[in-house]
Amino acid sequence: IVKVRRPGIERIVDADLRILRRLARIAERR
């Protein structure tokens, strides 16, 4: 079986992780 990573997924993951961290910091404070 050949498993291949989706094109561009690394950029999408990095961007959404950054947003998720900001939301988490806000939520923790509020």
PDB file of all heavy atoms in Angstrom:
ATOM      1  N   ILE A   1       0.862  -1.178   0.000  1.00  0.00           N
ATOM      2  CA  ILE A   1       0.000   0.000   0.000  1.00  0.00           C
ATOM      3  C   ILE A   1       0.900   1.230   0.000  1.00  0.00           C
ATOM      4  O   ILE A   1       1.983   1.222   0.610  1.00  0.00           O
ATOM      5  CB  ILE A   1      -0.984   0.031   1.192  1.00  0.00           C
ATOM      6  CG1 ILE A   1      -0.245   0.096   2.524  1.00  0.00           C
ATOM      7  CG2 ILE A   1      -1.921  -1.144   1.156  1.00  0.00           C
ATOM      8  CD1 ILE A   1      -1.168   0.342   3.702  1.00  0.00           C
ATOM      9  N   VAL A   2       0.462   2.247  -0.684  1.00  0.00           N
ATOM     10  CA  VAL A   2       1.225   3.486  -0.808  1.00  0.00           C
ATOM     11  C   VAL A   2       0.441   4.581  -0.113  1.00  0.00           C
ATOM     12  O   VAL A   2      -0.686   4.902  -0.503  1.00  0.00           O
ATOM     13  CB  VAL A   2       1.457   3.854  -2.296  1.00  0.00           C
ATOM     14  CG1 VAL A   2       2.248   5.158  -2.394  1.00  0.00           C
ATOM     15  CG2 VAL A   2       2.172   2.720  -3.021  1.00  0.00           C
ATOM     16  N   LYS A   3       1.025   5.126   0.946  1.00  0.00           N
ATOM     17  CA  LYS A   3       0.379   6.217   1.677  1.00  0.00           C
ATOM     18  C   LYS A   3       1.056   7.515   1.274  1.00  0.00           C
ATOM     19  O   LYS A   3       2.294   7.635   1.342  1.00  0.00           O
ATOM     20  CB  LYS A   3       0.495   5.993   3.186  1.00  0.00           C
ATOM     21  CG  LYS A   3      -0.248   7.038   4.013  1.00  0.00           C
ATOM     22  CD  LYS A   3      -0.155   6.756   5.513  1.00  0.00           C
ATOM     23  CE  LYS A   3      -0.954   5.547   5.903  1.00  0.00           C
ATOM     24  NZ  LYS A   3      -1.022   5.375   7.382  1.00  0.00           N
ATOM     25  N   VAL A   4       0.274   8.490   0.831  1.00  0.00           N
ATOM     26  CA  VAL A   4       0.832   9.758   0.371  1.00  0.00           C
ATOM     27  C   VAL A   4       0.144  10.913   1.098  1.00  0.00           C
ATOM     28  O   VAL A   4      -1.066  10.916   1.294  1.00  0.00           O
ATOM     29  CB  VAL A   4       0.664   9.903  -1.165  1.00  0.00           C
ATOM     30  CG1 VAL A   4      -0.786   9.750  -1.598  1.00  0.00           C
ATOM     31  CG2 VAL A   4       1.229  11.236  -1.660  1.00  0.00           C
ATOM     32  N   ARG A   5       0.952  11.873   1.529  1.00  0.00           N
ATOM     33  CA  ARG A   5       0.423  13.020   2.258  1.00  0.00           C
ATOM     34  C   ARG A   5      -0.237  13.993   1.294  1.00  0.00           C
ATOM     35  O   ARG A   5       0.223  14.169   0.154  1.00  0.00           O
ATOM     36  CB  ARG A   5       1.576  13.723   2.994  1.00  0.00           C
ATOM     37  CG  ARG A   5       1.133  14.566   4.165  1.00  0.00           C
ATOM     38  CD  ARG A   5       2.325  15.020   4.967  1.00  0.00           C
ATOM     39  NE  ARG A   5       3.127  15.995   4.237  1.00  0.00           N
ATOM     40  CZ  ARG A   5       4.282  16.486   4.677  1.00  0.00           C
ATOM     41  NH1 ARG A   5       4.785  16.040   5.812  1.00  0.00           N
ATOM     42  NH2 ARG A   5       4.951  17.367   3.974  1.00  0.00           N
ATOM     43  N   ARG A   6      -1.298  14.633   1.732  1.00  0.00           N
ATOM     44  CA  ARG A   6      -2.020  15.579   0.871  1.00  0.00           C
ATOM     45  C   ARG A   6      -1.152  16.789   0.537  1.00  0.00           C
ATOM     46  O   ARG A   6      -0.475  17.330   1.419  1.00  0.00           O
ATOM     47  CB  ARG A   6      -3.303  16.062   1.557  1.00  0.00           C
ATOM     48  CG  ARG A   6      -4.392  15.015   1.635  1.00  0.00           C
ATOM     49  CD  ARG A   6      -5.620  15.558   2.331  1.00  0.00           C
ATOM     50  NE  ARG A   6      -6.673  14.561   2.356  1.00  0.00           N
ATOM     51  CZ  ARG A   6      -7.577  14.376   1.413  1.00  0.00           C
ATOM     52  NH1 ARG A   6      -7.556  15.161   0.327  1.00  0.00           N
ATOM     53  NH2 ARG A   6      -8.499  13.448   1.514  1.00  0.00           N
ATOM     54  N   PRO A   7      -1.163  17.237  -0.705  1.00  0.00           N
ATOM     55  CA  PRO A   7      -0.399  18.436  -1.079  1.00  0.00           C
ATOM     56  C   PRO A   7      -0.896  19.653  -0.291  1.00  0.00           C
ATOM     57  O   PRO A   7      -2.099  19.874  -0.147  1.00  0.00           O
ATOM     58  CB  PRO A   7      -0.693  18.603  -2.573  1.00  0.00           C
ATOM     59  CG  PRO A   7      -1.169  17.259  -3.033  1.00  0.00           C
ATOM     60  CD  PRO A   7      -1.855  16.640  -1.865  1.00  0.00           C
ATOM     61  N   GLY A   8       0.038  20.432   0.251  1.00  0.00           N
ATOM     62  CA  GLY A   8      -0.319  21.665   0.948  1.00  0.00           C
ATOM     63  C   GLY A   8      -0.843  21.473   2.355  1.00  0.00           C
ATOM     64  O   GLY A   8      -1.155  22.466   3.035  1.00  0.00           O
ATOM     65  N   ILE A   9      -0.937  20.235   2.860  1.00  0.00           N
ATOM     66  CA  ILE A   9      -1.544  20.006   4.171  1.00  0.00           C
ATOM     67  C   ILE A   9      -0.701  20.622   5.287  1.00  0.00           C
ATOM     68  O   ILE A   9      -1.229  21.087   6.297  1.00  0.00           O
ATOM     69  CB  ILE A   9      -1.767  18.491   4.419  1.00  0.00           C
ATOM     70  CG1 ILE A   9      -2.574  18.270   5.695  1.00  0.00           C
ATOM     71  CG2 ILE A   9      -0.441  17.753   4.470  1.00  0.00           C
ATOM     72  CD1 ILE A   9      -3.966  18.809   5.668  1.00  0.00           C
ATOM     73  N   GLU A  10       0.635  20.662   5.101  1.00  0.00           N
ATOM     74  CA  GLU A  10       1.491  21.208   6.147  1.00  0.00           C
ATOM     75  C   GLU A  10       1.191  22.681   6.386  1.00  0.00           C
ATOM     76  O   GLU A  10       1.099  23.134   7.543  1.00  0.00           O
ATOM     77  CB  GLU A  10       2.961  21.015   5.762  1.00  0.00           C
ATOM     78  CG  GLU A  10       3.905  21.101   6.935  1.00  0.00           C
ATOM     79  CD  GLU A  10       5.264  20.497   6.617  1.00  0.00           C
ATOM     80  OE1 GLU A  10       5.560  20.280   5.420  1.00  0.00           O
ATOM     81  OE2 GLU A  10       6.026  20.247   7.560  1.00  0.00           O
ATOM     82  N   ARG A  11       0.989  23.421   5.311  1.00  0.00           N
ATOM     83  CA  ARG A  11       0.676  24.849   5.437  1.00  0.00           C
ATOM     84  C   ARG A  11      -0.673  25.041   6.124  1.00  0.00           C
ATOM     85  O   ARG A  11      -0.831  25.913   6.996  1.00  0.00           O
ATOM     86  CB  ARG A  11       0.675  25.503   4.047  1.00  0.00           C
ATOM     87  CG  ARG A  11       0.301  26.969   4.042  1.00  0.00           C
ATOM     88  CD  ARG A  11       0.379  27.531   2.627  1.00  0.00           C
ATOM     89  NE  ARG A  11      -0.390  26.716   1.683  1.00  0.00           N
ATOM     90  CZ  ARG A  11      -1.708  26.815   1.538  1.00  0.00           C
ATOM     91  NH1 ARG A  11      -2.409  27.666   2.271  1.00  0.00           N
ATOM     92  NH2 ARG A  11      -2.329  26.061   0.646  1.00  0.00           N
ATOM     93  N   ILE A  12      -1.658  24.234   5.749  1.00  0.00           N
ATOM     94  CA  ILE A  12      -2.992  24.335   6.347  1.00  0.00           C
ATOM     95  C   ILE A  12      -2.937  24.025   7.844  1.00  0.00           C
ATOM     96  O   ILE A  12      -3.525  24.728   8.669  1.00  0.00           O
ATOM     97  CB  ILE A  12      -3.964  23.376   5.636  1.00  0.00           C
ATOM     98  CG1 ILE A  12      -4.163  23.811   4.188  1.00  0.00           C
ATOM     99  CG2 ILE A  12      -5.306  23.301   6.375  1.00  0.00           C
ATOM    100  CD1 ILE A  12      -4.910  22.791   3.337  1.00  0.00           C
ATOM    101  N   VAL A  13      -2.208  22.965   8.198  1.00  0.00           N
ATOM    102  CA  VAL A  13      -2.099  22.563   9.601  1.00  0.00           C
ATOM    103  C   VAL A  13      -1.407  23.654  10.412  1.00  0.00           C
ATOM    104  O   VAL A  13      -1.865  24.012  11.509  1.00  0.00           O
ATOM    105  CB  VAL A  13      -1.347  21.221   9.717  1.00  0.00           C
ATOM    106  CG1 VAL A  13      -0.915  20.974  11.157  1.00  0.00           C
ATOM    107  CG2 VAL A  13      -2.224  20.088   9.220  1.00  0.00           C
ATOM    108  N   ASP A  14      -0.304  24.204   9.911  1.00  0.00           N
ATOM    109  CA  ASP A  14       0.411  25.253  10.641  1.00  0.00           C
ATOM    110  C   ASP A  14      -0.479  26.474  10.882  1.00  0.00           C
ATOM    111  O   ASP A  14      -0.499  27.032  11.985  1.00  0.00           O
ATOM    112  CB  ASP A  14       1.662  25.680   9.864  1.00  0.00           C
ATOM    113  CG  ASP A  14       2.771  24.638   9.939  1.00  0.00           C
ATOM    114  OD1 ASP A  14       2.674  23.740  10.797  1.00  0.00           O
ATOM    115  OD2 ASP A  14       3.715  24.719   9.129  1.00  0.00           O
ATOM    116  N   ALA A  15      -1.208  26.885   9.837  1.00  0.00           N
ATOM    117  CA  ALA A  15      -2.066  28.067   9.960  1.00  0.00           C
ATOM    118  C   ALA A  15      -3.181  27.833  10.977  1.00  0.00           C
ATOM    119  O   ALA A  15      -3.433  28.678  11.850  1.00  0.00           O
ATOM    120  CB  ALA A  15      -2.653  28.426   8.597  1.00  0.00           C
ATOM    121  N   ASP A  16      -3.854  26.687  10.900  1.00  0.00           N
ATOM    122  CA  ASP A  16      -4.970  26.432  11.809  1.00  0.00           C
ATOM    123  C   ASP A  16      -4.497  26.175  13.234  1.00  0.00           C
ATOM    124  O   ASP A  16      -5.190  26.513  14.201  1.00  0.00           O
ATOM    125  CB  ASP A  16      -5.817  25.260  11.306  1.00  0.00           C
ATOM    126  CG  ASP A  16      -6.846  25.709  10.268  1.00  0.00           C
ATOM    127  OD1 ASP A  16      -6.795  26.892   9.888  1.00  0.00           O
ATOM    128  OD2 ASP A  16      -7.679  24.897   9.849  1.00  0.00           O
ATOM    129  N   LEU A  17      -3.304  25.588  13.391  1.00  0.00           N
ATOM    130  CA  LEU A  17      -2.754  25.413  14.738  1.00  0.00           C
ATOM    131  C   LEU A  17      -2.474  26.767  15.385  1.00  0.00           C
ATOM    132  O   LEU A  17      -2.722  26.957  16.581  1.00  0.00           O
ATOM    133  CB  LEU A  17      -1.458  24.601  14.674  1.00  0.00           C
ATOM    134  CG  LEU A  17      -1.557  23.102  14.941  1.00  0.00           C
ATOM    135  CD1 LEU A  17      -0.181  22.460  14.802  1.00  0.00           C
ATOM    136  CD2 LEU A  17      -2.138  22.805  16.309  1.00  0.00           C
ATOM    137  N   ARG A  18      -1.962  27.697  14.602  1.00  0.00           N
ATOM    138  CA  ARG A  18      -1.676  29.034  15.129  1.00  0.00           C
ATOM    139  C   ARG A  18      -2.966  29.707  15.608  1.00  0.00           C
ATOM    140  O   ARG A  18      -3.017  30.287  16.692  1.00  0.00           O
ATOM    141  CB  ARG A  18      -1.003  29.870  14.039  1.00  0.00           C
ATOM    142  CG  ARG A  18      -0.506  31.220  14.509  1.00  0.00           C
ATOM    143  CD  ARG A  18       0.444  31.849  13.518  1.00  0.00           C
ATOM    144  NE  ARG A  18      -0.170  31.988  12.200  1.00  0.00           N
ATOM    145  CZ  ARG A  18       0.219  31.298  11.127  1.00  0.00           C
ATOM    146  NH1 ARG A  18       1.193  30.418  11.222  1.00  0.00           N
ATOM    147  NH2 ARG A  18      -0.349  31.494   9.957  1.00  0.00           N
ATOM    148  N   ILE A  19      -4.020  29.581  14.820  1.00  0.00           N
ATOM    149  CA  ILE A  19      -5.305  30.170  15.203  1.00  0.00           C
ATOM    150  C   ILE A  19      -5.867  29.460  16.435  1.00  0.00           C
ATOM    151  O   ILE A  19      -6.400  30.092  17.350  1.00  0.00           O
ATOM    152  CB  ILE A  19      -6.290  30.102  14.025  1.00  0.00           C
ATOM    153  CG1 ILE A  19      -5.843  31.056  12.915  1.00  0.00           C
ATOM    154  CG2 ILE A  19      -7.704  30.433  14.474  1.00  0.00           C
ATOM    155  CD1 ILE A  19      -6.644  30.940  11.644  1.00  0.00           C
ATOM    156  N   LEU A  20      -5.744  28.149  16.459  1.00  0.00           N
ATOM    157  CA  LEU A  20      -6.260  27.376  17.584  1.00  0.00           C
ATOM    158  C   LEU A  20      -5.549  27.763  18.879  1.00  0.00           C
ATOM    159  O   LEU A  20      -6.180  27.872  19.940  1.00  0.00           O
ATOM    160  CB  LEU A  20      -6.067  25.884  17.307  1.00  0.00           C
ATOM    161  CG  LEU A  20      -6.873  24.894  18.140  1.00  0.00           C
ATOM    162  CD1 LEU A  20      -8.374  25.153  18.024  1.00  0.00           C
ATOM    163  CD2 LEU A  20      -6.563  23.462  17.712  1.00  0.00           C
ATOM    164  N   ARG A  21      -4.243  27.984  18.815  1.00  0.00           N
ATOM    165  CA  ARG A  21      -3.504  28.398  20.010  1.00  0.00           C
ATOM    166  C   ARG A  21      -4.005  29.753  20.516  1.00  0.00           C
ATOM    167  O   ARG A  21      -4.151  29.968  21.726  1.00  0.00           O
ATOM    168  CB  ARG A  21      -2.001  28.484  19.702  1.00  0.00           C
ATOM    169  CG  ARG A  21      -1.321  27.135  19.511  1.00  0.00           C
ATOM    170  CD  ARG A  21       0.190  27.306  19.474  1.00  0.00           C
ATOM    171  NE  ARG A  21       0.843  26.084  19.050  1.00  0.00           N
ATOM    172  CZ  ARG A  21       1.310  25.854  17.825  1.00  0.00           C
ATOM    173  NH1 ARG A  21       1.181  26.786  16.886  1.00  0.00           N
ATOM    174  NH2 ARG A  21       1.887  24.715  17.521  1.00  0.00           N
ATOM    175  N   ARG A  22      -4.260  30.677  19.594  1.00  0.00           N
ATOM    176  CA  ARG A  22      -4.748  31.999  20.016  1.00  0.00           C
ATOM    177  C   ARG A  22      -6.123  31.887  20.656  1.00  0.00           C
ATOM    178  O   ARG A  22      -6.393  32.494  21.695  1.00  0.00           O
ATOM    179  CB  ARG A  22      -4.795  32.937  18.814  1.00  0.00           C
ATOM    180  CG  ARG A  22      -3.424  33.321  18.310  1.00  0.00           C
ATOM    181  CD  ARG A  22      -3.495  34.539  17.423  1.00  0.00           C
ATOM    182  NE  ARG A  22      -2.180  34.901  16.921  1.00  0.00           N
ATOM    183  CZ  ARG A  22      -1.920  35.995  16.229  1.00  0.00           C
ATOM    184  NH1 ARG A  22      -2.903  36.822  15.957  1.00  0.00           N
ATOM    185  NH2 ARG A  22      -0.706  36.253  15.818  1.00  0.00           N
ATOM    186  N   LEU A  23      -6.987  31.109  20.047  1.00  0.00           N
ATOM    187  CA  LEU A  23      -8.316  30.914  20.624  1.00  0.00           C
ATOM    188  C   LEU A  23      -8.209  30.285  22.017  1.00  0.00           C
ATOM    189  O   LEU A  23      -8.953  30.651  22.937  1.00  0.00           O
ATOM    190  CB  LEU A  23      -9.167  30.032  19.710  1.00  0.00           C
ATOM    191  CG  LEU A  23      -9.743  30.689  18.461  1.00  0.00           C
ATOM    192  CD1 LEU A  23     -10.421  29.637  17.580  1.00  0.00           C
ATOM    193  CD2 LEU A  23     -10.738  31.781  18.827  1.00  0.00           C
ATOM    194  N   ALA A  24      -7.295  29.332  22.180  1.00  0.00           N
ATOM    195  CA  ALA A  24      -7.132  28.663  23.475  1.00  0.00           C
ATOM    196  C   ALA A  24      -6.635  29.641  24.533  1.00  0.00           C
ATOM    197  O   ALA A  24      -7.101  29.611  25.685  1.00  0.00           O
ATOM    198  CB  ALA A  24      -6.164  27.494  23.335  1.00  0.00           C
ATOM    199  N   ARG A  25      -5.689  30.518  24.170  1.00  0.00           N
ATOM    200  CA  ARG A  25      -5.183  31.490  25.146  1.00  0.00           C
ATOM    201  C   ARG A  25      -6.284  32.450  25.577  1.00  0.00           C
ATOM    202  O   ARG A  25      -6.411  32.795  26.754  1.00  0.00           O
ATOM    203  CB  ARG A  25      -4.004  32.270  24.549  1.00  0.00           C
ATOM    204  CG  ARG A  25      -2.719  31.467  24.442  1.00  0.00           C
ATOM    205  CD  ARG A  25      -1.518  32.389  24.288  1.00  0.00           C
ATOM    206  NE  ARG A  25      -1.586  33.174  23.060  1.00  0.00           N
ATOM    207  CZ  ARG A  25      -1.065  32.796  21.905  1.00  0.00           C
ATOM    208  NH1 ARG A  25      -0.453  31.632  21.809  1.00  0.00           N
ATOM    209  NH2 ARG A  25      -1.147  33.579  20.851  1.00  0.00           N
ATOM    210  N   ILE A  26      -7.091  32.876  24.605  1.00  0.00           N
ATOM    211  CA  ILE A  26      -8.205  33.779  24.931  1.00  0.00           C
ATOM    212  C   ILE A  26      -9.203  33.072  25.840  1.00  0.00           C
ATOM    213  O   ILE A  26      -9.662  33.621  26.850  1.00  0.00           O
ATOM    214  CB  ILE A  26      -8.904  34.265  23.642  1.00  0.00           C
ATOM    215  CG1 ILE A  26      -7.926  35.069  22.785  1.00  0.00           C
ATOM    216  CG2 ILE A  26     -10.121  35.108  23.981  1.00  0.00           C
ATOM    217  CD1 ILE A  26      -8.410  35.301  21.370  1.00  0.00           C
ATOM    218  N   ALA A  27      -9.550  31.841  25.469  1.00  0.00           N
ATOM    219  CA  ALA A  27     -10.526  31.082  26.256  1.00  0.00           C
ATOM    220  C   ALA A  27     -10.021  30.852  27.671  1.00  0.00           C
ATOM    221  O   ALA A  27     -10.786  30.945  28.644  1.00  0.00           O
ATOM    222  CB  ALA A  27     -10.823  29.753  25.575  1.00  0.00           C
ATOM    223  N   GLU A  28      -8.730  30.551  27.818  1.00  0.00           N
ATOM    224  CA  GLU A  28      -8.169  30.304  29.148  1.00  0.00           C
ATOM    225  C   GLU A  28      -8.271  31.556  30.016  1.00  0.00           C
ATOM    226  O   GLU A  28      -8.510  31.479  31.218  1.00  0.00           O
ATOM    227  CB  GLU A  28      -6.715  29.865  29.014  1.00  0.00           C
ATOM    228  CG  GLU A  28      -6.076  29.486  30.338  1.00  0.00           C
ATOM    229  CD  GLU A  28      -4.705  28.861  30.164  1.00  0.00           C
ATOM    230  OE1 GLU A  28      -4.169  28.907  29.030  1.00  0.00           O
ATOM    231  OE2 GLU A  28      -4.171  28.333  31.152  1.00  0.00           O
ATOM    232  N   ARG A  29      -8.097  32.727  29.390  1.00  0.00           N
ATOM    233  CA  ARG A  29      -8.152  33.982  30.131  1.00  0.00           C
ATOM    234  C   ARG A  29      -9.578  34.382  30.480  1.00  0.00           C
ATOM    235  O   ARG A  29      -9.835  34.962  31.542  1.00  0.00           O
ATOM    236  CB  ARG A  29      -7.486  35.078  29.294  1.00  0.00           C
ATOM    237  CG  ARG A  29      -7.225  36.356  30.053  1.00  0.00           C
ATOM    238  CD  ARG A  29      -6.339  37.297  29.266  1.00  0.00           C
ATOM    239  NE  ARG A  29      -6.936  37.718  28.002  1.00  0.00           N
ATOM    240  CZ  ARG A  29      -6.445  37.412  26.810  1.00  0.00           C
ATOM    241  NH1 ARG A  29      -5.366  36.668  26.714  1.00  0.00           N
ATOM    242  NH2 ARG A  29      -7.018  37.853  25.711  1.00  0.00           N
ATOM    243  N   ARG A  30     -10.526  34.062  29.616  1.00  0.00           N
ATOM    244  CA  ARG A  30     -11.891  34.559  29.777  1.00  0.00           C
ATOM    245  C   ARG A  30     -12.858  33.564  30.417  1.00  0.00           C
ATOM    246  O   ARG A  30     -13.860  33.974  30.994  1.00  0.00           O
ATOM    247  CB  ARG A  30     -12.460  34.959  28.401  1.00  0.00           C
ATOM    248  CG  ARG A  30     -11.842  36.213  27.804  1.00  0.00           C
ATOM    249  CD  ARG A  30     -12.320  36.417  26.371  1.00  0.00           C
ATOM    250  NE  ARG A  30     -11.942  37.720  25.856  1.00  0.00           N
ATOM    251  CZ  ARG A  30     -12.753  38.762  25.817  1.00  0.00           C
ATOM    252  NH1 ARG A  30     -13.979  38.662  26.280  1.00  0.00           N
ATOM    253  NH2 ARG A  30     -12.335  39.913  25.327  1.00  0.00           N
TER     254      ARG A  30
END
